[in-house]
PDB file of all heavy atoms in Angstrom:
ATOM      1  N   LYS A   1      81.193  18.534 -58.533  1.00  0.00           N
ATOM      2  CA  LYS A   1      82.316  17.995 -57.775  1.00  0.00           C
ATOM      3  C   LYS A   1      83.603  18.325 -58.530  1.00  0.00           C
ATOM      4  O   LYS A   1      83.672  18.143 -59.751  1.00  0.00           O
ATOM      5  CB  LYS A   1      82.185  16.483 -57.589  1.00  0.00           C
ATOM      6  CG  LYS A   1      80.959  16.061 -56.801  1.00  0.00           C
ATOM      7  CD  LYS A   1      81.010  16.573 -55.364  1.00  0.00           C
ATOM      8  CE  LYS A   1      79.803  16.081 -54.569  1.00  0.00           C
ATOM      9  NZ  LYS A   1      79.841  16.539 -53.170  1.00  0.00           N
ATOM     10  N   PRO A   2      84.640  18.812 -57.842  1.00  0.00           N
ATOM     11  CA  PRO A   2      85.863  19.239 -58.532  1.00  0.00           C
ATOM     12  C   PRO A   2      86.576  18.073 -59.217  1.00  0.00           C
ATOM     13  O   PRO A   2      86.491  16.930 -58.775  1.00  0.00           O
ATOM     14  CB  PRO A   2      86.724  19.833 -57.407  1.00  0.00           C
ATOM     15  CG  PRO A   2      86.214  19.183 -56.164  1.00  0.00           C
ATOM     16  CD  PRO A   2      84.742  18.973 -56.388  1.00  0.00           C
ATOM     17  N   VAL A   3      87.275  18.400 -60.291  1.00  0.00           N
ATOM     18  CA  VAL A   3      88.047  17.406 -61.019  1.00  0.00           C
ATOM     19  C   VAL A   3      89.457  17.948 -61.243  1.00  0.00           C
ATOM     20  O   VAL A   3      89.645  19.133 -61.545  1.00  0.00           O
ATOM     21  CB  VAL A   3      87.373  17.022 -62.364  1.00  0.00           C
ATOM     22  CG1 VAL A   3      87.162  18.254 -63.241  1.00  0.00           C
ATOM     23  CG2 VAL A   3      88.209  15.994 -63.115  1.00  0.00           C
ATOM     24  N   ILE A   4      90.440  17.076 -61.060  1.00  0.00           N
ATOM     25  CA  ILE A   4      91.848  17.425 -61.208  1.00  0.00           C
ATOM     26  C   ILE A   4      92.434  16.585 -62.335  1.00  0.00           C
ATOM     27  O   ILE A   4      92.250  15.359 -62.354  1.00  0.00           O
ATOM     28  CB  ILE A   4      92.612  17.153 -59.894  1.00  0.00           C
ATOM     29  CG1 ILE A   4      92.030  18.018 -58.767  1.00  0.00           C
ATOM     30  CG2 ILE A   4      94.109  17.408 -60.055  1.00  0.00           C
ATOM     31  CD1 ILE A   4      92.427  17.554 -57.395  1.00  0.00           C
ATOM     32  N   ILE A   5      93.117  17.214 -63.279  1.00  0.00           N
ATOM     33  CA  ILE A   5      93.677  16.449 -64.401  1.00  0.00           C
ATOM     34  C   ILE A   5      95.174  16.715 -64.537  1.00  0.00           C
ATOM     35  O   ILE A   5      95.680  17.789 -64.212  1.00  0.00           O
ATOM     36  CB  ILE A   5      92.956  16.758 -65.731  1.00  0.00           C
ATOM     37  CG1 ILE A   5      93.169  18.211 -66.184  1.00  0.00           C
ATOM     38  CG2 ILE A   5      91.475  16.449 -65.615  1.00  0.00           C
ATOM     39  CD1 ILE A   5      92.631  18.482 -67.585  1.00  0.00           C
ATOM     40  N   GLY A   6      95.855  15.690 -65.030  1.00  0.00           N
ATOM     41  CA  GLY A   6      97.288  15.776 -65.238  1.00  0.00           C
ATOM     42  C   GLY A   6      97.636  16.220 -66.644  1.00  0.00           C
ATOM     43  O   GLY A   6      96.864  16.911 -67.313  1.00  0.00           O
ATOM     44  N   GLN A   7      98.806  15.793 -67.103  1.00  0.00           N
ATOM     45  CA  GLN A   7      99.278  16.169 -68.437  1.00  0.00           C
ATOM     46  C   GLN A   7      98.598  15.282 -69.482  1.00  0.00           C
ATOM     47  O   GLN A   7      99.112  14.231 -69.854  1.00  0.00           O
ATOM     48  CB  GLN A   7     100.798  16.023 -68.515  1.00  0.00           C
ATOM     49  CG  GLN A   7     101.534  17.040 -67.649  1.00  0.00           C
ATOM     50  CD  GLN A   7     103.035  16.819 -67.668  1.00  0.00           C
ATOM     51  OE1 GLN A   7     103.516  15.712 -67.467  1.00  0.00           O
ATOM     52  NE2 GLN A   7     103.791  17.874 -67.919  1.00  0.00           N
ATOM     53  N   LEU A   8      97.458  15.721 -69.966  1.00  0.00           N
ATOM     54  CA  LEU A   8      96.682  14.951 -70.928  1.00  0.00           C
ATOM     55  C   LEU A   8      96.944  15.460 -72.341  1.00  0.00           C
ATOM     56  O   LEU A   8      97.267  16.634 -72.539  1.00  0.00           O
ATOM     57  CB  LEU A   8      95.180  15.067 -70.629  1.00  0.00           C
ATOM     58  CG  LEU A   8      94.695  14.759 -69.211  1.00  0.00           C
ATOM     59  CD1 LEU A   8      93.166  14.782 -69.186  1.00  0.00           C
ATOM     60  CD2 LEU A   8      95.224  13.441 -68.718  1.00  0.00           C
ATOM     61  N   PRO A   9      96.774  14.597 -73.344  1.00  0.00           N
ATOM     62  CA  PRO A   9      96.824  15.068 -74.731  1.00  0.00           C
ATOM     63  C   PRO A   9      95.766  16.148 -74.964  1.00  0.00           C
ATOM     64  O   PRO A   9      94.717  16.150 -74.307  1.00  0.00           O
ATOM     65  CB  PRO A   9      96.505  13.804 -75.539  1.00  0.00           C
ATOM     66  CG  PRO A   9      96.836  12.663 -74.638  1.00  0.00           C
ATOM     67  CD  PRO A   9      96.547  13.143 -73.250  1.00  0.00           C
ATOM     68  N   ILE A  10      96.041  17.047 -75.893  1.00  0.00           N
ATOM     69  CA  ILE A  10      95.135  18.176 -76.152  1.00  0.00           C
ATOM     70  C   ILE A  10      93.721  17.702 -76.453  1.00  0.00           C
ATOM     71  O   ILE A  10      92.738  18.269 -75.956  1.00  0.00           O
ATOM     72  CB  ILE A  10      95.674  19.034 -77.317  1.00  0.00           C
ATOM     73  CG1 ILE A  10      96.976  19.718 -76.901  1.00  0.00           C
ATOM     74  CG2 ILE A  10      94.643  20.091 -77.725  1.00  0.00           C
ATOM     75  CD1 ILE A  10      97.659  20.484 -78.020  1.00  0.00           C
ATOM     76  N   ASP A  11      93.602  16.645 -77.255  1.00  0.00           N
ATOM     77  CA  ASP A  11      92.273  16.125 -77.595  1.00  0.00           C
ATOM     78  C   ASP A  11      91.523  15.651 -76.356  1.00  0.00           C
ATOM     79  O   ASP A  11      90.298  15.812 -76.256  1.00  0.00           O
ATOM     80  CB  ASP A  11      92.393  14.977 -78.603  1.00  0.00           C
ATOM     81  CG  ASP A  11      92.890  15.443 -79.963  1.00  0.00           C
ATOM     82  OD1 ASP A  11      92.810  16.659 -80.219  1.00  0.00           O
ATOM     83  OD2 ASP A  11      93.362  14.600 -80.747  1.00  0.00           O
ATOM     84  N   ALA A  12      92.256  15.079 -75.407  1.00  0.00           N
ATOM     85  CA  ALA A  12      91.624  14.604 -74.175  1.00  0.00           C
ATOM     86  C   ALA A  12      91.208  15.775 -73.298  1.00  0.00           C
ATOM     87  O   ALA A  12      90.130  15.757 -72.687  1.00  0.00           O
ATOM     88  CB  ALA A  12      92.581  13.684 -73.420  1.00  0.00           C
ATOM     89  N   VAL A  13      92.058  16.802 -73.220  1.00  0.00           N
ATOM     90  CA  VAL A  13      91.739  17.979 -72.408  1.00  0.00           C
ATOM     91  C   VAL A  13      90.434  18.618 -72.888  1.00  0.00           C
ATOM     92  O   VAL A  13      89.578  19.007 -72.082  1.00  0.00           O
ATOM     93  CB  VAL A  13      92.885  19.010 -72.459  1.00  0.00           C
ATOM     94  CG1 VAL A  13      92.467  20.314 -71.770  1.00  0.00           C
ATOM     95  CG2 VAL A  13      94.130  18.445 -71.788  1.00  0.00           C
ATOM     96  N   THR A  14      90.267  18.697 -74.193  1.00  0.00           N
ATOM     97  CA  THR A  14      89.044  19.281 -74.758  1.00  0.00           C
ATOM     98  C   THR A  14      87.809  18.529 -74.298  1.00  0.00           C
ATOM     99  O   THR A  14      86.814  19.130 -73.870  1.00  0.00           O
ATOM    100  CB  THR A  14      89.111  19.271 -76.301  1.00  0.00           C
ATOM    101  OG1 THR A  14      90.252  20.025 -76.723  1.00  0.00           O
ATOM    102  CG2 THR A  14      87.857  19.880 -76.906  1.00  0.00           C
ATOM    103  N   VAL A  15      87.871  17.191 -74.349  1.00  0.00           N
ATOM    104  CA  VAL A  15      86.741  16.364 -73.932  1.00  0.00           C
ATOM    105  C   VAL A  15      86.446  16.554 -72.444  1.00  0.00           C
ATOM    106  O   VAL A  15      85.286  16.721 -72.033  1.00  0.00           O
ATOM    107  CB  VAL A  15      87.019  14.872 -74.235  1.00  0.00           C
ATOM    108  CG1 VAL A  15      85.937  13.977 -73.621  1.00  0.00           C
ATOM    109  CG2 VAL A  15      87.112  14.639 -75.735  1.00  0.00           C
ATOM    110  N   VAL A  16      87.500  16.546 -71.624  1.00  0.00           N
ATOM    111  CA  VAL A  16      87.328  16.667 -70.175  1.00  0.00           C
ATOM    112  C   VAL A  16      86.772  18.042 -69.815  1.00  0.00           C
ATOM    113  O   VAL A  16      85.889  18.163 -68.952  1.00  0.00           O
ATOM    114  CB  VAL A  16      88.667  16.407 -69.453  1.00  0.00           C
ATOM    115  CG1 VAL A  16      88.543  16.725 -67.967  1.00  0.00           C
ATOM    116  CG2 VAL A  16      89.098  14.955 -69.644  1.00  0.00           C
ATOM    117  N   LYS A  17      87.272  19.090 -70.458  1.00  0.00           N
ATOM    118  CA  LYS A  17      86.768  20.443 -70.171  1.00  0.00           C
ATOM    119  C   LYS A  17      85.283  20.565 -70.512  1.00  0.00           C
ATOM    120  O   LYS A  17      84.512  21.185 -69.767  1.00  0.00           O
ATOM    121  CB  LYS A  17      87.585  21.478 -70.940  1.00  0.00           C
ATOM    122  CG  LYS A  17      88.961  21.742 -70.338  1.00  0.00           C
ATOM    123  CD  LYS A  17      89.682  22.870 -71.052  1.00  0.00           C
ATOM    124  CE  LYS A  17      90.991  23.218 -70.333  1.00  0.00           C
ATOM    125  NZ  LYS A  17      91.709  24.325 -71.000  1.00  0.00           N
ATOM    126  N   GLU A  18      84.879  19.964 -71.629  1.00  0.00           N
ATOM    127  CA  GLU A  18      83.467  20.000 -72.008  1.00  0.00           C
ATOM    128  C   GLU A  18      82.605  19.296 -70.969  1.00  0.00           C
ATOM    129  O   GLU A  18      81.528  19.773 -70.601  1.00  0.00           O
ATOM    130  CB  GLU A  18      83.282  19.349 -73.384  1.00  0.00           C
ATOM    131  CG  GLU A  18      83.829  20.178 -74.539  1.00  0.00           C
ATOM    132  CD  GLU A  18      83.740  19.456 -75.863  1.00  0.00           C
ATOM    133  OE1 GLU A  18      83.371  18.251 -75.870  1.00  0.00           O
ATOM    134  OE2 GLU A  18      84.053  20.068 -76.903  1.00  0.00           O
ATOM    135  N   LYS A  19      83.099  18.161 -70.472  1.00  0.00           N
ATOM    136  CA  LYS A  19      82.355  17.413 -69.454  1.00  0.00           C
ATOM    137  C   LYS A  19      82.290  18.192 -68.141  1.00  0.00           C
ATOM    138  O   LYS A  19      81.246  18.213 -67.463  1.00  0.00           O
ATOM    139  CB  LYS A  19      83.021  16.052 -69.219  1.00  0.00           C
ATOM    140  CG  LYS A  19      82.324  15.167 -68.197  1.00  0.00           C
ATOM    141  CD  LYS A  19      80.952  14.718 -68.653  1.00  0.00           C
ATOM    142  CE  LYS A  19      80.376  13.685 -67.698  1.00  0.00           C
ATOM    143  NZ  LYS A  19      79.009  13.262 -68.071  1.00  0.00           N
ATOM    144  N   ALA A  20      83.373  18.861 -67.786  1.00  0.00           N
ATOM    145  CA  ALA A  20      83.395  19.648 -66.554  1.00  0.00           C
ATOM    146  C   ALA A  20      82.396  20.804 -66.627  1.00  0.00           C
ATOM    147  O   ALA A  20      81.693  21.097 -65.652  1.00  0.00           O
ATOM    148  CB  ALA A  20      84.803  20.175 -66.297  1.00  0.00           C
ATOM    149  N   VAL A  21      82.313  21.444 -67.789  1.00  0.00           N
ATOM    150  CA  VAL A  21      81.335  22.523 -67.973  1.00  0.00           C
ATOM    151  C   VAL A  21      79.924  21.969 -67.866  1.00  0.00           C
ATOM    152  O   VAL A  21      79.045  22.545 -67.209  1.00  0.00           O
ATOM    153  CB  VAL A  21      81.542  23.207 -69.345  1.00  0.00           C
ATOM    154  CG1 VAL A  21      80.384  24.153 -69.653  1.00  0.00           C
ATOM    155  CG2 VAL A  21      82.858  23.971 -69.365  1.00  0.00           C
ATOM    156  N   GLU A  22      79.706  20.813 -68.503  1.00  0.00           N
ATOM    157  CA  GLU A  22      78.381  20.181 -68.486  1.00  0.00           C
ATOM    158  C   GLU A  22      77.948  19.847 -67.060  1.00  0.00           C
ATOM    159  O   GLU A  22      76.776  20.005 -66.699  1.00  0.00           O
ATOM    160  CB  GLU A  22      78.428  18.905 -69.335  1.00  0.00           C
ATOM    161  CG  GLU A  22      77.143  18.110 -69.378  1.00  0.00           C
ATOM    162  CD  GLU A  22      77.321  16.790 -70.124  1.00  0.00           C
ATOM    163  OE1 GLU A  22      78.111  16.753 -71.097  1.00  0.00           O
ATOM    164  OE2 GLU A  22      76.671  15.806 -69.731  1.00  0.00           O
ATOM    165  N   GLU A  23      78.896  19.392 -66.243  1.00  0.00           N
ATOM    166  CA  GLU A  23      78.576  18.992 -64.872  1.00  0.00           C
ATOM    167  C   GLU A  23      78.747  20.134 -63.869  1.00  0.00           C
ATOM    168  O   GLU A  23      78.578  19.920 -62.662  1.00  0.00           O
ATOM    169  CB  GLU A  23      79.471  17.816 -64.453  1.00  0.00           C
ATOM    170  CG  GLU A  23      79.266  16.542 -65.262  1.00  0.00           C
ATOM    171  CD  GLU A  23      77.900  15.919 -65.056  1.00  0.00           C
ATOM    172  OE1 GLU A  23      77.251  16.222 -64.026  1.00  0.00           O
ATOM    173  OE2 GLU A  23      77.466  15.141 -65.931  1.00  0.00           O
ATOM    174  N   GLN A  24      79.107  21.327 -64.371  1.00  0.00           N
ATOM    175  CA  GLN A  24      79.339  22.489 -63.509  1.00  0.00           C
ATOM    176  C   GLN A  24      80.378  22.180 -62.432  1.00  0.00           C
ATOM    177  O   GLN A  24      80.249  22.540 -61.257  1.00  0.00           O
ATOM    178  CB  GLN A  24      78.027  22.962 -62.869  1.00  0.00           C
ATOM    179  CG  GLN A  24      76.972  23.383 -63.874  1.00  0.00           C
ATOM    180  CD  GLN A  24      75.674  23.837 -63.222  1.00  0.00           C
ATOM    181  OE1 GLN A  24      75.694  24.499 -62.179  1.00  0.00           O
ATOM    182  NE2 GLN A  24      74.546  23.474 -63.821  1.00  0.00           N
ATOM    183  N   SER A  25      81.423  21.482 -62.864  1.00  0.00           N
ATOM    184  CA  SER A  25      82.477  21.057 -61.955  1.00  0.00           C
ATOM    185  C   SER A  25      83.701  21.962 -62.087  1.00  0.00           C
ATOM    186  O   SER A  25      84.130  22.279 -63.204  1.00  0.00           O
ATOM    187  CB  SER A  25      82.896  19.611 -62.266  1.00  0.00           C
ATOM    188  OG  SER A  25      81.809  18.724 -62.123  1.00  0.00           O
TER     189      SER A  25
END
């Protein structure tokens, strides 16, 4: 399922990107 993110801190972006890859989102 697609995910949309705003202006997040770099550390947060890293975590979210890893989760998106894991979920194939």
